[in-house]
Amino acid sequence: MKLFNLTNLNTSQEVPRVMFKPINVSDEVVFFEKLLIGLDDTWSEGIWSYHIHTHQMNRMDQGQHVLFQELYDFDTPQISWNNGEVFDSDTMYFATITELDEESYIEFYELDIHSWLQKNLMGFRFNSSDYVYKGMELLSPGYIMFRLSYNMEYVDVDFFDNIYLLDAHEKKYYPVYDELFKINAGSIFVSGKGDAARVFFEEQYLQEDEQYELITSKELELAFDLHESIEPDDLLKNSIKTMLLTDFVAQIKSGATHIEWEVLDEIRFNGSIRLIGETQENIYYKKKHYEFALREIGDFISLRKIGSYEVYRINKETLEREFIRDVHSNEEIRTNLRRAYYAKDSKMHTKLYDFETEKPVRTYKKRFVGRVREELVDFVGDEYFLIELHSDDSRVAKFMIVDAERDEMLIAGRDVITSGNYIFVI
């Protein structure tokens, strides 16, 4: 684990509030997007490098968007999931978006963290009244997915998005023609490197409570008309799927209207499947059977599962799937790079248990009982407690990092971002 203390980046001003979104790290340098958060809007001041010892800060991106900041929107890819490979890259990506004469212009760039060489990957234009750019997501170094919404009224609904794959090596983008993938995409992330890199995909259309209401109610129906290639039952497959990244890219580039996945598990409309998290070796997910489906089966084992859900793990390398146990309580399962775990909270302490063995792992002893409410947010790498502090006193920090082995508070700050083997306290 590596801990970065960036608290001296804080500014005394409250509005706009400065927030730093880490994008990459290299030795003693952190690269981040600098965000300014106002009362009604958030805007970006580009990509900056920050040396943790000299505290020297420099803006890295260049171009017209730097000189005429008020005319451009700036976007860097969102980071999905929490595996240790997020920052393992020599490149960063960003896009600039501007409007002129009712047309929108998008430019995508690649930025080398060592040479600071900036490359224009590609750009295009479209009528501002036809589409809205919604952002991009980094799959792996060299591959980015971005979205354009074609419905101005429902921009916040993914149902009306077009999805594109950008290949940074080819400097080209490819539309995704699989209509079902566009609206059934839950969490999607890539694990591994090179030719062994693999895409994992959580296929789900609705939130769990919304899905249950839709299935069991005679009064509810889908809010939007489906594409002619999609049947209503296709929306309720509820599955965990995978394929090699090379195959995923190849199918999109070939113009496939139906992306072929390897299904690891599914439950269809008899319940729900949702990803829980991942460790370095495994993916964890929960599988809940609806009560009506269990009663229809009617045997003793099925009836015992009413009110509970099953937890499984999948080995990322072998894809072997293994049932861990049923969970019969409101137990919140979490993951870090080493293990799946859960917490039991009391007034004086929070005890953490290994989810698979149910053996105690660590105990966090609360420091400010009666003065500040302390909430354990994460158990990072089995090494650090990430604690959120709730207080009416504005002088109290929002978060603190505690060494789990020595029970020692290390850093307190306003924001904390964790990703893989890195913790950034800001």
Protein backbone atom coordinates (compact mmCIF):
# COMPACT_ATOMS: atom_id res chain seq x y z
CA MET A 1 0.00 0.00 0.00
CA LYS A 2 1.13 3.56 -0.67
CA LEU A 3 -0.28 6.52 1.24
CA PHE A 4 -0.19 10.03 -0.25
CA ASN A 5 -0.72 13.00 2.04
CA LEU A 6 -2.04 15.79 -0.19
CA THR A 7 -3.70 17.81 2.57
CA ASN A 8 -1.57 20.87 1.85
CA LEU A 9 -3.43 21.16 -1.47
CA ASN A 10 -6.49 22.31 0.45
CA THR A 11 -7.45 25.94 0.11
CA SER A 12 -9.14 28.03 2.75
CA GLN A 13 -11.94 29.15 0.41
CA GLU A 14 -15.25 27.36 0.71
CA VAL A 15 -16.80 28.38 -2.65
CA PRO A 16 -15.68 27.30 -5.10
CA ARG A 17 -14.33 24.27 -3.29
CA VAL A 18 -11.25 22.69 -4.85
CA MET A 19 -11.29 18.92 -5.30
CA PHE A 20 -8.55 16.74 -6.78
CA LYS A 21 -9.38 13.56 -8.69
CA PRO A 22 -6.26 11.31 -8.93
CA ILE A 23 -5.68 9.96 -12.42
CA ASN A 24 -2.23 8.40 -12.18
CA VAL A 25 0.92 8.12 -10.04
CA SER A 26 4.59 7.81 -10.88
CA ASP A 27 7.24 7.50 -8.17
CA GLU A 28 6.80 10.64 -6.08
CA VAL A 29 4.46 12.47 -8.45
CA VAL A 30 0.66 12.40 -8.39
CA PHE A 31 -1.31 13.37 -11.48
CA PHE A 32 -4.84 14.58 -10.98
CA GLU A 33 -7.70 16.53 -12.48
CA LYS A 34 -8.32 19.75 -10.59
CA LEU A 35 -12.03 20.39 -10.06
CA LEU A 36 -13.70 23.52 -8.74
CA ILE A 37 -17.10 22.97 -7.15
CA GLY A 38 -19.43 25.94 -6.94
CA LEU A 39 -22.95 26.25 -5.61
CA ASP A 40 -24.60 25.35 -8.92
CA ASP A 41 -21.84 23.97 -11.12
CA THR A 42 -18.57 22.06 -11.24
CA TRP A 43 -15.83 22.87 -13.72
CA SER A 44 -12.34 21.59 -14.42
CA GLU A 45 -8.94 23.24 -14.49
CA GLY A 46 -7.31 20.39 -16.38
CA ILE A 47 -4.62 17.85 -15.48
CA TRP A 48 -1.92 18.79 -12.99
CA SER A 49 1.22 17.15 -11.66
CA TYR A 50 2.09 17.41 -7.99
CA HIS A 51 5.42 16.44 -6.37
CA ILE A 52 4.69 15.20 -2.86
CA HIS A 53 8.05 16.36 -1.42
CA THR A 54 8.72 19.66 -3.17
CA HIS A 55 4.98 20.46 -3.35
CA GLN A 56 5.58 21.80 -6.84
CA MET A 57 2.43 21.85 -8.96
CA ASN A 58 2.24 22.28 -12.72
CA ARG A 59 -0.54 22.11 -15.28
CA MET A 60 0.20 19.48 -17.94
CA ASP A 61 -2.49 19.78 -20.62
CA GLN A 62 -2.14 22.43 -23.30
CA GLY A 63 -4.32 23.98 -25.96
CA GLN A 64 -7.06 26.49 -26.67
CA HIS A 65 -9.13 25.12 -23.79
CA VAL A 66 -6.45 26.39 -21.37
CA LEU A 67 -6.38 29.88 -22.88
CA PHE A 68 -10.18 30.17 -23.19
CA GLN A 69 -11.36 28.08 -20.27
CA GLU A 70 -14.86 29.56 -20.18
CA LEU A 71 -15.59 28.21 -23.69
CA TYR A 72 -14.71 24.55 -23.03
CA ASP A 73 -15.84 21.62 -20.93
CA PHE A 74 -13.09 19.23 -19.85
CA ASP A 75 -13.45 15.51 -19.14
CA THR A 76 -11.20 12.68 -17.99
CA PRO A 77 -12.28 9.00 -17.88
CA GLN A 78 -14.11 7.67 -14.87
CA ILE A 79 -12.31 4.85 -13.07
CA SER A 80 -14.44 1.76 -12.50
CA TRP A 81 -13.95 -0.63 -9.60
CA ASN A 82 -11.02 -0.80 -7.27
CA ASN A 83 -8.44 -3.22 -8.64
CA GLY A 84 -4.73 -2.57 -8.28
CA GLU A 85 -4.12 -1.94 -11.97
CA VAL A 86 -5.97 1.36 -12.34
CA PHE A 87 -2.86 3.56 -12.35
CA ASP A 88 -0.52 1.08 -14.06
CA SER A 89 -0.13 3.11 -17.25
CA ASP A 90 2.21 5.65 -18.78
CA THR A 91 -0.64 7.53 -20.40
CA MET A 92 -3.64 9.60 -19.38
CA TYR A 93 -6.60 10.66 -21.48
CA PHE A 94 -8.89 13.67 -21.63
CA ALA A 95 -11.47 15.29 -23.87
CA THR A 96 -12.48 18.87 -24.53
CA ILE A 97 -15.99 19.86 -25.58
CA THR A 98 -17.09 23.24 -26.94
CA GLU A 99 -19.97 24.71 -28.96
CA LEU A 100 -20.01 27.09 -31.91
CA ASP A 101 -22.93 28.02 -34.16
CA GLU A 102 -25.18 25.27 -32.73
CA GLU A 103 -22.52 22.61 -33.29
CA SER A 104 -20.57 20.72 -30.61
CA TYR A 105 -16.92 19.84 -31.08
CA ILE A 106 -15.20 17.02 -29.19
CA GLU A 107 -11.45 16.38 -29.19
CA PHE A 108 -9.83 13.36 -27.48
CA TYR A 109 -6.22 13.53 -26.29
CA GLU A 110 -3.53 11.22 -24.92
CA LEU A 111 -0.92 12.58 -22.49
CA ASP A 112 2.38 10.85 -21.63
CA ILE A 113 3.18 11.15 -17.91
CA HIS A 114 6.96 11.08 -18.46
CA SER A 115 7.55 13.26 -21.50
CA TRP A 116 4.38 15.35 -21.14
CA LEU A 117 3.89 14.79 -24.87
CA GLN A 118 0.26 15.46 -25.78
CA LYS A 119 -1.30 13.74 -28.80
CA ASN A 120 -4.59 14.58 -30.47
CA LEU A 121 -6.23 11.18 -30.94
CA MET A 122 -9.31 12.25 -32.89
CA GLY A 123 -12.21 14.65 -32.95
CA PHE A 124 -15.63 15.10 -34.48
CA ARG A 125 -18.61 17.45 -34.53
CA PHE A 126 -22.38 17.08 -34.27
CA ASN A 127 -25.47 19.25 -33.98
CA SER A 128 -25.92 20.37 -30.38
CA SER A 129 -29.67 19.84 -30.67
CA ASP A 130 -29.20 16.17 -31.64
CA TYR A 131 -26.76 14.82 -29.04
CA VAL A 132 -25.26 15.53 -25.64
CA TYR A 133 -21.83 14.22 -24.64
CA LYS A 134 -22.19 12.27 -21.34
CA GLY A 135 -18.64 11.27 -20.50
CA MET A 136 -16.17 8.45 -20.93
CA GLU A 137 -14.87 5.45 -19.04
CA LEU A 138 -11.39 3.93 -19.23
CA LEU A 139 -11.54 0.19 -19.91
CA SER A 140 -7.78 -0.29 -20.08
CA PRO A 141 -4.81 1.67 -21.45
CA GLY A 142 -5.64 2.38 -25.09
CA TYR A 143 -9.39 1.66 -24.92
CA ILE A 144 -12.07 4.13 -23.85
CA MET A 145 -15.85 3.94 -24.01
CA PHE A 146 -17.85 7.15 -24.31
CA ARG A 147 -21.56 7.99 -24.50
CA LEU A 148 -23.73 10.43 -26.43
CA SER A 149 -27.38 10.86 -25.45
CA TYR A 150 -29.84 11.43 -28.28
CA ASN A 151 -32.77 12.45 -26.07
CA MET A 152 -32.57 15.97 -24.70
CA GLU A 153 -35.42 15.40 -22.23
CA TYR A 154 -33.96 12.24 -20.64
CA VAL A 155 -30.24 12.96 -20.74
CA ASP A 156 -29.77 11.37 -17.31
CA VAL A 157 -31.31 8.07 -18.48
CA ASP A 158 -28.89 5.61 -20.10
CA PHE A 159 -31.75 4.13 -22.14
CA PHE A 160 -31.23 6.82 -24.80
CA ASP A 161 -27.45 6.62 -25.11
CA ASN A 162 -25.27 5.71 -28.03
CA ILE A 163 -22.05 4.00 -26.88
CA TYR A 164 -18.74 4.14 -28.72
CA LEU A 165 -15.38 2.42 -28.30
CA LEU A 166 -12.32 4.59 -28.89
CA ASP A 167 -9.11 2.79 -29.89
CA ALA A 168 -6.25 5.15 -29.00
CA HIS A 169 -3.76 3.16 -31.08
CA GLU A 170 -5.83 3.38 -34.23
CA LYS A 171 -7.11 6.88 -33.43
CA LYS A 172 -10.59 5.74 -34.41
CA TYR A 173 -13.91 5.17 -32.69
CA TYR A 174 -16.48 2.45 -33.30
CA PRO A 175 -20.21 2.52 -32.49
CA VAL A 176 -21.65 -0.28 -30.34
CA TYR A 177 -24.59 -1.75 -32.26
CA ASP A 178 -25.78 -4.18 -29.59
CA GLU A 179 -28.95 -2.44 -28.36
CA LEU A 180 -29.30 -4.73 -25.36
CA PHE A 181 -25.78 -3.97 -24.17
CA LYS A 182 -26.53 -0.25 -24.26
CA ILE A 183 -29.36 -0.47 -21.71
CA ASN A 184 -28.38 -3.58 -19.73
CA ALA A 185 -24.90 -2.43 -18.77
CA GLY A 186 -24.37 -2.45 -15.01
CA SER A 187 -20.78 -2.52 -13.79
CA ILE A 188 -18.18 -3.31 -16.42
CA PHE A 189 -14.45 -3.52 -15.79
CA VAL A 190 -11.27 -5.07 -17.14
CA SER A 191 -8.94 -7.26 -15.11
CA GLY A 192 -5.46 -8.38 -16.19
CA LYS A 193 -3.02 -7.08 -18.77
CA GLY A 194 -2.08 -7.61 -22.39
CA ASP A 195 -3.66 -10.52 -24.24
CA ALA A 196 -4.83 -11.97 -20.91
CA ALA A 197 -6.94 -8.90 -20.06
CA ARG A 198 -10.55 -9.90 -19.50
CA VAL A 199 -13.80 -7.93 -19.44
CA PHE A 200 -16.32 -8.68 -16.67
CA PHE A 201 -19.87 -7.46 -17.14
CA GLU A 202 -22.84 -7.23 -14.77
CA GLU A 203 -25.97 -7.46 -16.92
CA GLN A 204 -28.86 -5.67 -15.21
CA TYR A 205 -31.49 -3.24 -16.39
CA LEU A 206 -33.19 -1.97 -13.22
CA GLN A 207 -32.36 -1.41 -9.58
CA GLU A 208 -33.24 -4.44 -7.46
CA ASP A 209 -36.38 -2.95 -5.87
CA GLU A 210 -37.58 -1.53 -9.22
CA GLN A 211 -37.07 -4.88 -10.93
CA TYR A 212 -39.07 -6.72 -8.27
CA GLU A 213 -41.96 -4.25 -8.56
CA LEU A 214 -41.99 -4.56 -12.35
CA ILE A 215 -42.10 -8.36 -12.23
CA THR A 216 -44.70 -8.72 -9.48
CA SER A 217 -47.02 -5.80 -10.25
CA LYS A 218 -49.77 -5.90 -12.85
CA GLU A 219 -49.94 -2.11 -12.87
CA LEU A 220 -46.33 -1.31 -13.74
CA GLU A 221 -44.78 -1.46 -17.20
CA LEU A 222 -41.56 -0.36 -18.86
CA ALA A 223 -41.30 3.40 -19.10
CA PHE A 224 -39.86 3.47 -22.62
CA ASP A 225 -40.47 1.68 -25.89
CA LEU A 226 -37.90 -0.99 -26.62
CA HIS A 227 -35.85 -1.23 -29.78
CA GLU A 228 -37.40 -3.67 -32.26
CA SER A 229 -34.52 -6.14 -31.74
CA ILE A 230 -35.21 -6.47 -27.98
CA GLU A 231 -37.84 -8.61 -26.29
CA PRO A 232 -39.08 -7.54 -22.80
CA ASP A 233 -37.71 -10.75 -21.23
CA ASP A 234 -34.24 -9.83 -22.50
CA LEU A 235 -34.13 -7.02 -19.93
CA LEU A 236 -34.42 -9.38 -16.96
CA LYS A 237 -31.65 -11.89 -17.59
CA ASN A 238 -29.62 -10.80 -14.55
CA SER A 239 -26.24 -12.33 -15.22
CA ILE A 240 -22.50 -12.10 -14.72
CA LYS A 241 -20.65 -12.41 -18.03
CA THR A 242 -17.08 -12.30 -19.29
CA MET A 243 -14.85 -12.46 -22.34
CA LEU A 244 -11.30 -11.58 -23.32
CA LEU A 245 -10.82 -7.86 -23.95
CA THR A 246 -9.42 -8.67 -27.41
CA ASP A 247 -12.65 -10.52 -28.28
CA PHE A 248 -14.81 -7.70 -26.92
CA VAL A 249 -12.97 -5.14 -29.03
CA ALA A 250 -13.05 -7.37 -32.11
CA GLN A 251 -16.82 -7.89 -31.89
CA ILE A 252 -17.51 -4.17 -31.56
CA LYS A 253 -15.19 -3.36 -34.47
CA SER A 254 -16.90 -6.01 -36.61
CA GLY A 255 -20.25 -4.25 -36.11
CA ALA A 256 -21.84 -7.12 -34.18
CA THR A 257 -25.48 -6.45 -33.32
CA HIS A 258 -25.33 -9.06 -30.55
CA ILE A 259 -22.17 -9.31 -28.46
CA GLU A 260 -21.46 -12.94 -27.53
CA TRP A 261 -20.45 -13.38 -23.88
CA GLU A 262 -19.48 -16.31 -21.72
CA VAL A 263 -22.17 -16.48 -19.04
CA LEU A 264 -20.72 -17.26 -15.60
CA ASP A 265 -24.05 -17.23 -13.76
CA GLU A 266 -27.60 -15.97 -14.32
CA ILE A 267 -30.97 -16.00 -12.58
CA ARG A 268 -33.26 -14.29 -15.14
CA PHE A 269 -36.55 -12.98 -13.69
CA ASN A 270 -36.52 -15.34 -10.69
CA GLY A 271 -34.28 -13.01 -8.72
CA SER A 272 -31.34 -10.63 -9.01
CA ILE A 273 -27.58 -10.86 -9.36
CA ARG A 274 -25.35 -7.95 -8.36
CA LEU A 275 -21.60 -7.57 -8.07
CA ILE A 276 -20.27 -6.93 -4.57
CA GLY A 277 -16.63 -6.16 -5.27
CA GLU A 278 -13.30 -7.69 -6.09
CA THR A 279 -10.01 -8.67 -4.54
CA GLN A 280 -6.72 -9.18 -6.36
CA GLU A 281 -7.73 -12.77 -7.22
CA ASN A 282 -11.52 -12.98 -7.05
CA ILE A 283 -14.79 -11.31 -7.92
CA TYR A 284 -17.63 -11.53 -5.38
CA TYR A 285 -21.31 -11.28 -6.20
CA LYS A 286 -24.65 -11.91 -4.53
CA LYS A 287 -27.55 -13.91 -5.94
CA LYS A 288 -31.01 -13.43 -4.48
CA HIS A 289 -33.97 -15.68 -5.36
CA TYR A 290 -37.38 -14.03 -5.09
CA GLU A 291 -39.74 -15.51 -2.52
CA PHE A 292 -42.34 -16.47 -5.14
CA ALA A 293 -39.68 -18.46 -7.05
CA LEU A 294 -38.53 -20.27 -3.89
CA ARG A 295 -42.08 -21.14 -2.84
CA GLU A 296 -42.77 -22.46 -6.31
CA ILE A 297 -39.87 -24.90 -5.90
CA GLY A 298 -41.18 -25.69 -2.44
CA ASP A 299 -38.47 -28.01 -1.05
CA PHE A 300 -36.90 -27.52 2.38
CA ILE A 301 -33.63 -26.03 1.12
CA SER A 302 -35.44 -23.50 -1.08
CA LEU A 303 -37.78 -22.40 1.69
CA ARG A 304 -34.81 -21.86 4.02
CA LYS A 305 -33.41 -19.32 1.55
CA ILE A 306 -36.42 -16.99 1.87
CA GLY A 307 -35.21 -13.64 3.17
CA SER A 308 -31.56 -14.38 2.42
CA TYR A 309 -29.17 -14.29 -0.53
CA GLU A 310 -26.28 -16.42 -1.76
CA VAL A 311 -22.72 -15.14 -2.10
CA TYR A 312 -20.31 -16.53 -4.70
CA ARG A 313 -16.78 -15.84 -5.78
CA ILE A 314 -15.23 -16.18 -9.22
CA ASN A 315 -11.51 -16.69 -9.71
CA LYS A 316 -10.41 -14.06 -12.23
CA GLU A 317 -7.80 -16.32 -13.82
CA THR A 318 -9.53 -19.72 -13.95
CA LEU A 319 -13.14 -18.40 -13.96
CA GLU A 320 -13.97 -21.12 -11.43
CA ARG A 321 -17.16 -20.21 -9.56
CA GLU A 322 -17.64 -21.21 -5.92
CA PHE A 323 -20.55 -20.77 -3.52
CA ILE A 324 -19.41 -19.25 -0.21
CA ARG A 325 -22.51 -19.14 2.02
CA ASP A 326 -26.00 -17.81 2.49
CA VAL A 327 -26.40 -14.46 4.22
CA HIS A 328 -29.50 -14.25 6.41
CA SER A 329 -29.02 -10.76 7.84
CA ASN A 330 -28.43 -7.21 6.72
CA GLU A 331 -24.71 -7.93 6.61
CA GLU A 332 -22.94 -5.48 4.29
CA ILE A 333 -20.15 -7.29 2.48
CA ARG A 334 -17.18 -5.25 1.33
CA THR A 335 -13.91 -6.04 -0.39
CA ASN A 336 -10.38 -4.76 -0.44
CA LEU A 337 -7.42 -6.09 -2.42
CA ARG A 338 -6.90 -8.97 0.04
CA ARG A 339 -10.30 -10.19 1.18
CA ALA A 340 -14.06 -9.93 1.42
CA TYR A 341 -15.10 -8.76 4.88
CA TYR A 342 -17.97 -7.36 6.91
CA ALA A 343 -18.23 -5.10 9.95
CA LYS A 344 -20.21 -5.16 13.20
CA ASP A 345 -20.57 -1.74 14.78
CA SER A 346 -21.06 -0.84 18.44
CA LYS A 347 -20.76 2.31 20.51
CA MET A 348 -17.11 1.81 21.47
CA HIS A 349 -15.65 -0.07 18.50
CA THR A 350 -16.18 -1.64 15.08
CA LYS A 351 -15.16 -5.27 14.61
CA LEU A 352 -14.21 -6.59 11.19
CA TYR A 353 -14.61 -10.21 10.15
CA ASP A 354 -13.38 -12.23 7.19
CA PHE A 355 -16.52 -12.99 5.20
CA GLU A 356 -15.47 -16.47 4.10
CA THR A 357 -14.11 -17.79 7.42
CA GLU A 358 -16.24 -15.52 9.66
CA LYS A 359 -13.17 -15.13 11.87
CA PRO A 360 -12.36 -11.69 13.38
CA VAL A 361 -9.66 -9.79 11.51
CA ARG A 362 -9.31 -6.40 13.20
CA THR A 363 -11.04 -4.14 15.69
CA TYR A 364 -11.23 -0.39 15.31
CA LYS A 365 -11.43 1.34 18.70
CA LYS A 366 -13.37 4.58 18.41
CA ARG A 367 -11.53 7.71 19.52
CA PHE A 368 -14.18 10.39 19.90
CA VAL A 369 -17.07 8.60 21.60
CA GLY A 370 -19.74 11.09 22.63
CA ARG A 371 -18.25 13.96 20.61
CA VAL A 372 -17.98 12.78 17.00
CA ARG A 373 -19.71 9.91 15.22
CA GLU A 374 -17.12 7.66 13.59
CA GLU A 375 -18.07 5.51 10.61
CA LEU A 376 -15.74 2.91 9.12
CA VAL A 377 -15.82 3.42 5.35
CA ASP A 378 -13.09 1.05 4.19
CA PHE A 379 -10.48 -1.39 5.44
CA VAL A 380 -7.87 -0.61 2.82
CA GLY A 381 -5.60 -3.52 1.97
CA ASP A 382 -5.98 -4.93 5.50
CA GLU A 383 -3.55 -2.18 6.55
CA TYR A 384 -5.52 1.02 7.09
CA PHE A 385 -8.90 2.00 8.48
CA LEU A 386 -10.62 4.75 6.53
CA ILE A 387 -12.89 6.54 8.99
CA GLU A 388 -15.48 9.18 8.17
CA LEU A 389 -16.09 11.71 10.94
CA HIS A 390 -19.55 13.25 11.43
CA SER A 391 -19.61 16.42 13.53
CA ASP A 392 -21.38 19.77 13.72
CA ASP A 393 -18.00 21.37 14.43
CA SER A 394 -16.59 22.72 11.14
CA ARG A 395 -13.07 22.44 12.53
CA VAL A 396 -13.26 18.63 12.63
CA ALA A 397 -11.78 16.84 9.61
CA LYS A 398 -14.12 14.81 7.40
CA PHE A 399 -11.91 11.72 7.17
CA MET A 400 -8.93 10.14 8.86
CA ILE A 401 -6.58 7.26 8.10
CA VAL A 402 -5.66 4.95 11.00
CA ASP A 403 -2.87 2.36 10.90
CA ALA A 404 -4.73 -0.87 11.68
CA GLU A 405 -1.71 -2.68 13.12
CA ARG A 406 -0.46 0.07 15.44
CA ASP A 407 -3.86 1.71 16.12
CA GLU A 408 -2.29 5.07 15.21
CA MET A 409 -3.98 7.94 13.42
CA LEU A 410 -1.78 8.93 10.48
CA ILE A 411 -3.57 11.63 8.48
CA ALA A 412 -6.82 13.57 8.67
CA GLY A 413 -8.23 15.45 5.71
CA ARG A 414 -11.23 16.76 3.85
CA ASP A 415 -11.42 14.11 1.12
CA VAL A 416 -10.04 10.59 0.71
CA ILE A 417 -9.84 8.63 -2.53
CA THR A 418 -8.73 4.99 -2.55
CA SER A 419 -7.86 2.98 -5.63
CA GLY A 420 -6.06 -0.35 -5.57
CA ASN A 421 -2.77 0.05 -3.71
CA TYR A 422 -3.08 3.80 -3.33
CA ILE A 423 -4.72 6.09 -0.77
CA PHE A 424 -4.93 9.83 -1.41
CA VAL A 425 -5.81 12.09 1.51
CA ILE A 426 -6.69 15.57 0.32
